[in-house]
């Protein structure tokens, strides 16, 4: 009896990882349940200098800069997931008035409620982080003794890092099916005297490089896509 239990446990442990790693999202409907964005205070302070360059929004409780970043990021993410992964991304209004939304019009609900109200094959949540590159070394030996960042950057400059994480859930059950991350880091420090890093956010001049914030976000999305496919 013990041998049977041990064998069953072993088979379970072996099979499950392969099932998780081979999730087929192609031609499957997936609904967004939340889209969280976290901007480090240093980065937000830097961006706030250019708030006047961003379009006015209807919701007075929302942040203009965050609104535009979420809008552009979502658009790029949907295009990439549909073209490269084959997902069918349902509109963010799919749940109608049955759920709550954040200040930017994106769904903001738990997976359990989404499963009760929705009808898609999969569900997903998005987490976007924009922070200084050095944040990744917080409380480490490197953060204490490596002064490279301080030597290379002038006061007031930033060198951002973008991390985007996508977590998927099944039609039934609250345990995540997959968690995928895309990361990219600016190759150079950005100065407030050069506003070209806003290209693609405040206008339609999209650049596919790491010299702009949208360029960093798009590259992180590309990295995310590759991780889903791997």
C-alpha atoms as a PDB file:
ATOM      1  CA  UNK A   1       0.000   0.000   0.000  1.00  0.00           C
ATOM      2  CA  UNK A   2       2.827   2.380   0.899  1.00  0.00           C
ATOM      3  CA  UNK A   3       4.521   1.610  -2.401  1.00  0.00           C
ATOM      4  CA  UNK A   4       1.347   2.480  -4.292  1.00  0.00           C
ATOM      5  CA  UNK A   5       0.977   5.786  -2.439  1.00  0.00           C
ATOM      6  CA  UNK A   6       4.628   6.646  -3.011  1.00  0.00           C
ATOM      7  CA  UNK A   7       4.356   5.806  -6.711  1.00  0.00           C
ATOM      8  CA  UNK A   8       1.180   7.863  -7.072  1.00  0.00           C
ATOM      9  CA  UNK A   9       2.823  10.836  -5.349  1.00  0.00           C
ATOM     10  CA  UNK A  10       5.863  10.567  -7.613  1.00  0.00           C
ATOM     11  CA  UNK A  11       3.726  10.447 -10.770  1.00  0.00           C
ATOM     12  CA  UNK A  12       1.714  13.448  -9.549  1.00  0.00           C
ATOM     13  CA  UNK A  13       4.878  15.464  -8.888  1.00  0.00           C
ATOM     14  CA  UNK A  14       6.324  14.594 -12.281  1.00  0.00           C
ATOM     15  CA  UNK A  15       3.224  15.138 -14.381  1.00  0.00           C
ATOM     16  CA  UNK A  16       1.924  18.390 -12.895  1.00  0.00           C
ATOM     17  CA  UNK A  17       4.958  20.576 -13.771  1.00  0.00           C
ATOM     18  CA  UNK A  18       4.787  19.437 -17.383  1.00  0.00           C
ATOM     19  CA  UNK A  19       1.095  20.245 -17.546  1.00  0.00           C
ATOM     20  CA  UNK A  20       1.692  23.715 -16.145  1.00  0.00           C
ATOM     21  CA  UNK A  21       4.617  24.345 -18.470  1.00  0.00           C
ATOM     22  CA  UNK A  22       2.638  23.348 -21.545  1.00  0.00           C
ATOM     23  CA  UNK A  23      -0.484  25.450 -21.115  1.00  0.00           C
ATOM     24  CA  UNK A  24      -2.081  26.105 -24.477  1.00  0.00           C
ATOM     25  CA  UNK A  25      -3.474  29.631 -24.645  1.00  0.00           C
ATOM     26  CA  UNK A  26      -3.898  29.685 -28.411  1.00  0.00           C
ATOM     27  CA  UNK A  27      -7.423  30.549 -29.540  1.00  0.00           C
ATOM     28  CA  UNK A  28      -8.581  30.604 -25.920  1.00  0.00           C
ATOM     29  CA  UNK A  29     -10.559  33.504 -24.468  1.00  0.00           C
ATOM     30  CA  UNK A  30      -8.972  35.252 -21.505  1.00  0.00           C
ATOM     31  CA  UNK A  31     -10.367  38.059 -19.346  1.00  0.00           C
ATOM     32  CA  UNK A  32      -8.493  40.659 -17.323  1.00  0.00           C
ATOM     33  CA  UNK A  33      -9.357  40.776 -13.611  1.00  0.00           C
ATOM     34  CA  UNK A  34      -6.912  43.485 -12.499  1.00  0.00           C
ATOM     35  CA  UNK A  35      -4.099  45.689 -13.778  1.00  0.00           C
ATOM     36  CA  UNK A  36      -1.892  47.101 -11.041  1.00  0.00           C
ATOM     37  CA  UNK A  37       0.841  49.630 -11.663  1.00  0.00           C
ATOM     38  CA  UNK A  38       3.502  50.576  -9.128  1.00  0.00           C
ATOM     39  CA  UNK A  39       5.794  53.514  -9.815  1.00  0.00           C
ATOM     40  CA  UNK A  40       8.704  54.084  -7.453  1.00  0.00           C
ATOM     41  CA  UNK A  41       8.532  57.511  -5.727  1.00  0.00           C
ATOM     42  CA  UNK A  42      11.806  58.632  -7.352  1.00  0.00           C
ATOM     43  CA  UNK A  43      10.505  57.754 -10.817  1.00  0.00           C
ATOM     44  CA  UNK A  44       7.104  59.334 -10.130  1.00  0.00           C
ATOM     45  CA  UNK A  45       8.736  62.536  -8.913  1.00  0.00           C
ATOM     46  CA  UNK A  46      10.764  62.662 -12.115  1.00  0.00           C
ATOM     47  CA  UNK A  47       7.701  62.064 -14.319  1.00  0.00           C
ATOM     48  CA  UNK A  48       5.545  64.562 -12.433  1.00  0.00           C
ATOM     49  CA  UNK A  49       7.679  67.370 -13.840  1.00  0.00           C
ATOM     50  CA  UNK A  50       6.028  66.706 -17.198  1.00  0.00           C
ATOM     51  CA  UNK A  51       2.437  66.220 -16.049  1.00  0.00           C
ATOM     52  CA  UNK A  52       1.325  69.166 -18.166  1.00  0.00           C
ATOM     53  CA  UNK A  53       2.374  67.295 -21.310  1.00  0.00           C
ATOM     54  CA  UNK A  54      -0.144  64.509 -20.695  1.00  0.00           C
ATOM     55  CA  UNK A  55      -3.770  64.655 -21.897  1.00  0.00           C
ATOM     56  CA  UNK A  56      -6.551  65.655 -19.523  1.00  0.00           C
ATOM     57  CA  UNK A  57      -8.679  62.796 -18.166  1.00  0.00           C
ATOM     58  CA  UNK A  58     -12.309  62.785 -17.045  1.00  0.00           C
ATOM     59  CA  UNK A  59     -11.809  61.185 -13.636  1.00  0.00           C
ATOM     60  CA  UNK A  60     -10.446  63.807 -11.255  1.00  0.00           C
ATOM     61  CA  UNK A  61      -9.413  61.063  -8.827  1.00  0.00           C
ATOM     62  CA  UNK A  62      -7.105  59.480 -11.369  1.00  0.00           C
ATOM     63  CA  UNK A  63      -3.510  60.387 -12.208  1.00  0.00           C
ATOM     64  CA  UNK A  64      -2.916  61.635 -15.769  1.00  0.00           C
ATOM     65  CA  UNK A  65       0.485  60.002 -16.082  1.00  0.00           C
ATOM     66  CA  UNK A  66      -0.629  56.658 -14.698  1.00  0.00           C
ATOM     67  CA  UNK A  67      -3.720  56.756 -16.912  1.00  0.00           C
ATOM     68  CA  UNK A  68      -1.675  57.159 -20.080  1.00  0.00           C
ATOM     69  CA  UNK A  69       0.882  54.528 -19.088  1.00  0.00           C
ATOM     70  CA  UNK A  70      -1.872  51.997 -18.344  1.00  0.00           C
ATOM     71  CA  UNK A  71      -3.702  52.796 -21.570  1.00  0.00           C
ATOM     72  CA  UNK A  72      -0.621  52.437 -23.770  1.00  0.00           C
ATOM     73  CA  UNK A  73       0.696  49.396 -21.928  1.00  0.00           C
ATOM     74  CA  UNK A  74      -2.615  47.574 -22.198  1.00  0.00           C
ATOM     75  CA  UNK A  75      -2.844  48.308 -25.917  1.00  0.00           C
ATOM     76  CA  UNK A  76       0.682  47.007 -26.556  1.00  0.00           C
ATOM     77  CA  UNK A  77       0.163  43.973 -24.333  1.00  0.00           C
ATOM     78  CA  UNK A  78      -3.074  42.962 -26.046  1.00  0.00           C
ATOM     79  CA  UNK A  79      -1.446  43.220 -29.484  1.00  0.00           C
ATOM     80  CA  UNK A  80       1.526  41.095 -28.402  1.00  0.00           C
ATOM     81  CA  UNK A  81      -0.475  38.403 -26.598  1.00  0.00           C
ATOM     82  CA  UNK A  82      -2.891  38.040 -29.492  1.00  0.00           C
ATOM     83  CA  UNK A  83      -0.296  38.060 -32.277  1.00  0.00           C
ATOM     84  CA  UNK A  84       2.476  36.018 -30.628  1.00  0.00           C
ATOM     85  CA  UNK A  85       0.635  33.772 -28.175  1.00  0.00           C
ATOM     86  CA  UNK A  86      -2.693  33.486 -29.985  1.00  0.00           C
ATOM     87  CA  UNK A  87      -4.780  34.511 -26.983  1.00  0.00           C
ATOM     88  CA  UNK A  88      -8.217  35.966 -27.532  1.00  0.00           C
ATOM     89  CA  UNK A  89      -8.226  38.932 -25.150  1.00  0.00           C
ATOM     90  CA  UNK A  90     -11.750  39.926 -24.213  1.00  0.00           C
ATOM     91  CA  UNK A  91     -12.583  43.655 -23.806  1.00  0.00           C
ATOM     92  CA  UNK A  92     -12.082  45.110 -20.327  1.00  0.00           C
ATOM     93  CA  UNK A  93     -15.821  45.850 -20.318  1.00  0.00           C
ATOM     94  CA  UNK A  94     -16.661  42.144 -20.638  1.00  0.00           C
ATOM     95  CA  UNK A  95     -18.061  41.893 -17.104  1.00  0.00           C
ATOM     96  CA  UNK A  96     -20.332  44.884 -17.620  1.00  0.00           C
ATOM     97  CA  UNK A  97     -21.723  46.486 -14.471  1.00  0.00           C
ATOM     98  CA  UNK A  98     -21.495  43.294 -12.436  1.00  0.00           C
ATOM     99  CA  UNK A  99     -18.017  44.096 -11.100  1.00  0.00           C
ATOM    100  CA  UNK A 100     -15.952  46.992  -9.763  1.00  0.00           C
ATOM    101  CA  UNK A 101     -13.424  48.943 -11.823  1.00  0.00           C
ATOM    102  CA  UNK A 102     -10.419  51.032 -10.851  1.00  0.00           C
ATOM    103  CA  UNK A 103     -10.107  54.774 -11.442  1.00  0.00           C
ATOM    104  CA  UNK A 104      -8.801  54.074 -14.950  1.00  0.00           C
ATOM    105  CA  UNK A 105     -11.642  51.857 -16.131  1.00  0.00           C
ATOM    106  CA  UNK A 106      -9.886  48.506 -15.688  1.00  0.00           C
ATOM    107  CA  UNK A 107     -11.492  45.549 -13.876  1.00  0.00           C
ATOM    108  CA  UNK A 108     -10.517  45.283 -10.226  1.00  0.00           C
ATOM    109  CA  UNK A 109     -11.906  42.048  -8.801  1.00  0.00           C
ATOM    110  CA  UNK A 110     -10.791  38.795  -7.213  1.00  0.00           C
ATOM    111  CA  UNK A 111     -10.403  35.654  -9.271  1.00  0.00           C
ATOM    112  CA  UNK A 112     -13.266  33.949  -7.436  1.00  0.00           C
ATOM    113  CA  UNK A 113     -15.706  36.719  -8.330  1.00  0.00           C
ATOM    114  CA  UNK A 114     -14.446  36.838 -11.912  1.00  0.00           C
ATOM    115  CA  UNK A 115     -15.153  33.123 -12.255  1.00  0.00           C
ATOM    116  CA  UNK A 116     -18.685  33.606 -10.950  1.00  0.00           C
ATOM    117  CA  UNK A 117     -19.442  36.514 -13.266  1.00  0.00           C
ATOM    118  CA  UNK A 118     -17.363  35.606 -16.316  1.00  0.00           C
ATOM    119  CA  UNK A 119     -17.387  32.916 -18.969  1.00  0.00           C
ATOM    120  CA  UNK A 120     -13.878  32.837 -20.457  1.00  0.00           C
ATOM    121  CA  UNK A 121     -11.499  29.869 -20.526  1.00  0.00           C
ATOM    122  CA  UNK A 122      -8.780  31.744 -18.614  1.00  0.00           C
ATOM    123  CA  UNK A 123      -8.389  34.847 -16.456  1.00  0.00           C
ATOM    124  CA  UNK A 124      -5.350  37.028 -15.908  1.00  0.00           C
ATOM    125  CA  UNK A 125      -3.986  39.821 -13.772  1.00  0.00           C
ATOM    126  CA  UNK A 126      -1.228  42.237 -14.756  1.00  0.00           C
ATOM    127  CA  UNK A 127       1.350  43.858 -12.481  1.00  0.00           C
ATOM    128  CA  UNK A 128       3.568  46.605 -13.892  1.00  0.00           C
ATOM    129  CA  UNK A 129       6.479  48.037 -11.907  1.00  0.00           C
ATOM    130  CA  UNK A 130       8.595  51.040 -12.906  1.00  0.00           C
ATOM    131  CA  UNK A 131      11.525  51.661 -10.589  1.00  0.00           C
ATOM    132  CA  UNK A 132      15.189  52.692 -10.526  1.00  0.00           C
ATOM    133  CA  UNK A 133      17.557  49.951 -11.611  1.00  0.00           C
ATOM    134  CA  UNK A 134      19.375  50.047  -8.262  1.00  0.00           C
ATOM    135  CA  UNK A 135      16.176  49.035  -6.426  1.00  0.00           C
ATOM    136  CA  UNK A 136      16.816  45.408  -7.366  1.00  0.00           C
ATOM    137  CA  UNK A 137      19.908  45.451  -5.128  1.00  0.00           C
ATOM    138  CA  UNK A 138      18.114  46.783  -2.042  1.00  0.00           C
ATOM    139  CA  UNK A 139      19.492  45.340   1.210  1.00  0.00           C
ATOM    140  CA  UNK A 140      22.203  43.472  -0.685  1.00  0.00           C
ATOM    141  CA  UNK A 141      25.984  43.689  -0.577  1.00  0.00           C
ATOM    142  CA  UNK A 142      25.896  45.451  -3.936  1.00  0.00           C
ATOM    143  CA  UNK A 143      23.582  48.196  -2.722  1.00  0.00           C
ATOM    144  CA  UNK A 144      25.979  48.990   0.120  1.00  0.00           C
ATOM    145  CA  UNK A 145      29.305  48.923  -1.688  1.00  0.00           C
ATOM    146  CA  UNK A 146      28.668  49.428  -5.410  1.00  0.00           C
ATOM    147  CA  UNK A 147      28.560  53.189  -6.079  1.00  0.00           C
ATOM    148  CA  UNK A 148      28.552  52.828  -9.877  1.00  0.00           C
ATOM    149  CA  UNK A 149      25.019  54.166 -10.169  1.00  0.00           C
ATOM    150  CA  UNK A 150      25.846  57.308  -8.213  1.00  0.00           C
ATOM    151  CA  UNK A 151      29.034  57.943 -10.158  1.00  0.00           C
ATOM    152  CA  UNK A 152      27.383  57.630 -13.553  1.00  0.00           C
ATOM    153  CA  UNK A 153      24.231  59.655 -12.895  1.00  0.00           C
ATOM    154  CA  UNK A 154      23.820  63.309 -12.144  1.00  0.00           C
ATOM    155  CA  UNK A 155      21.479  64.486  -9.421  1.00  0.00           C
ATOM    156  CA  UNK A 156      17.900  64.365 -10.681  1.00  0.00           C
ATOM    157  CA  UNK A 157      18.603  61.825 -13.418  1.00  0.00           C
ATOM    158  CA  UNK A 158      17.006  58.377 -13.457  1.00  0.00           C
ATOM    159  CA  UNK A 159      17.807  54.990 -14.959  1.00  0.00           C
ATOM    160  CA  UNK A 160      14.523  53.073 -14.923  1.00  0.00           C
ATOM    161  CA  UNK A 161      13.789  49.381 -14.908  1.00  0.00           C
ATOM    162  CA  UNK A 162      10.431  48.015 -16.060  1.00  0.00           C
ATOM    163  CA  UNK A 163       9.010  44.723 -14.833  1.00  0.00           C
ATOM    164  CA  UNK A 164       5.709  43.334 -16.067  1.00  0.00           C
ATOM    165  CA  UNK A 165       4.188  40.177 -14.610  1.00  0.00           C
ATOM    166  CA  UNK A 166       1.228  38.256 -15.994  1.00  0.00           C
ATOM    167  CA  UNK A 167      -0.532  35.690 -13.815  1.00  0.00           C
ATOM    168  CA  UNK A 168      -3.113  33.368 -15.346  1.00  0.00           C
ATOM    169  CA  UNK A 169      -5.949  31.458 -13.694  1.00  0.00           C
ATOM    170  CA  UNK A 170      -8.229  28.629 -14.861  1.00  0.00           C
ATOM    171  CA  UNK A 171     -11.967  28.733 -15.416  1.00  0.00           C
ATOM    172  CA  UNK A 172     -12.393  27.023 -12.064  1.00  0.00           C
ATOM    173  CA  UNK A 173     -10.073  27.185  -9.066  1.00  0.00           C
ATOM    174  CA  UNK A 174      -8.082  30.015  -7.503  1.00  0.00           C
ATOM    175  CA  UNK A 175      -4.592  28.521  -7.826  1.00  0.00           C
ATOM    176  CA  UNK A 176      -2.643  30.285 -10.629  1.00  0.00           C
ATOM    177  CA  UNK A 177      -1.888  28.276 -13.745  1.00  0.00           C
ATOM    178  CA  UNK A 178       1.121  30.308 -14.774  1.00  0.00           C
ATOM    179  CA  UNK A 179       3.166  33.324 -13.774  1.00  0.00           C
ATOM    180  CA  UNK A 180       5.340  35.018 -16.397  1.00  0.00           C
ATOM    181  CA  UNK A 181       7.636  38.017 -16.109  1.00  0.00           C
ATOM    182  CA  UNK A 182       9.289  40.377 -18.560  1.00  0.00           C
ATOM    183  CA  UNK A 183      12.065  42.767 -17.518  1.00  0.00           C
ATOM    184  CA  UNK A 184      14.025  45.479 -19.249  1.00  0.00           C
ATOM    185  CA  UNK A 185      16.435  48.166 -18.063  1.00  0.00           C
ATOM    186  CA  UNK A 186      17.315  51.478 -19.658  1.00  0.00           C
ATOM    187  CA  UNK A 187      20.798  51.432 -21.149  1.00  0.00           C
ATOM    188  CA  UNK A 188      21.391  55.073 -20.222  1.00  0.00           C
ATOM    189  CA  UNK A 189      20.371  57.553 -17.548  1.00  0.00           C
ATOM    190  CA  UNK A 190      17.553  59.958 -18.426  1.00  0.00           C
ATOM    191  CA  UNK A 191      17.754  63.664 -17.780  1.00  0.00           C
ATOM    192  CA  UNK A 192      14.885  66.100 -17.281  1.00  0.00           C
ATOM    193  CA  UNK A 193      16.503  68.366 -19.868  1.00  0.00           C
ATOM    194  CA  UNK A 194      15.738  65.826 -22.613  1.00  0.00           C
ATOM    195  CA  UNK A 195      12.062  64.938 -22.872  1.00  0.00           C
ATOM    196  CA  UNK A 196      12.472  62.508 -25.760  1.00  0.00           C
ATOM    197  CA  UNK A 197      11.889  59.634 -23.308  1.00  0.00           C
ATOM    198  CA  UNK A 198       8.189  60.610 -23.370  1.00  0.00           C
ATOM    199  CA  UNK A 199       7.852  59.798 -27.077  1.00  0.00           C
ATOM    200  CA  UNK A 200       5.015  57.345 -27.590  1.00  0.00           C
ATOM    201  CA  UNK A 201       3.242  58.474 -24.426  1.00  0.00           C
ATOM    202  CA  UNK A 202       2.471  62.113 -25.120  1.00  0.00           C
ATOM    203  CA  UNK A 203       2.384  61.633 -28.902  1.00  0.00           C
ATOM    204  CA  UNK A 204       2.302  58.932 -31.565  1.00  0.00           C
ATOM    205  CA  UNK A 205       6.059  58.949 -32.205  1.00  0.00           C
ATOM    206  CA  UNK A 206       6.660  55.386 -31.078  1.00  0.00           C
ATOM    207  CA  UNK A 207      10.274  54.216 -30.914  1.00  0.00           C
ATOM    208  CA  UNK A 208      11.219  50.574 -30.680  1.00  0.00           C
ATOM    209  CA  UNK A 209      14.301  51.090 -28.541  1.00  0.00           C
ATOM    210  CA  UNK A 210      15.218  51.634 -24.904  1.00  0.00           C
ATOM    211  CA  UNK A 211      15.473  55.420 -25.040  1.00  0.00           C
ATOM    212  CA  UNK A 212      11.809  55.959 -24.132  1.00  0.00           C
ATOM    213  CA  UNK A 213       9.535  54.748 -21.350  1.00  0.00           C
ATOM    214  CA  UNK A 214       7.174  53.113 -23.833  1.00  0.00           C
ATOM    215  CA  UNK A 215      10.163  51.534 -25.528  1.00  0.00           C
ATOM    216  CA  UNK A 216      11.151  49.969 -22.208  1.00  0.00           C
ATOM    217  CA  UNK A 217       7.596  48.806 -21.563  1.00  0.00           C
ATOM    218  CA  UNK A 218       7.289  47.311 -25.047  1.00  0.00           C
ATOM    219  CA  UNK A 219      10.581  45.465 -24.647  1.00  0.00           C
ATOM    220  CA  UNK A 220       9.450  44.111 -21.264  1.00  0.00           C
ATOM    221  CA  UNK A 221       6.237  42.925 -22.936  1.00  0.00           C
ATOM    222  CA  UNK A 222       8.304  41.233 -25.630  1.00  0.00           C
ATOM    223  CA  UNK A 223      10.388  39.515 -22.949  1.00  0.00           C
ATOM    224  CA  UNK A 224       7.164  38.449 -21.221  1.00  0.00           C
ATOM    225  CA  UNK A 225       5.862  36.947 -24.454  1.00  0.00           C
ATOM    226  CA  UNK A 226       9.055  34.955 -24.966  1.00  0.00           C
ATOM    227  CA  UNK A 227       8.803  33.596 -21.430  1.00  0.00           C
ATOM    228  CA  UNK A 228       5.236  32.437 -22.038  1.00  0.00           C
ATOM    229  CA  UNK A 229       6.364  30.614 -25.169  1.00  0.00           C
ATOM    230  CA  UNK A 230       9.425  29.034 -23.562  1.00  0.00           C
END
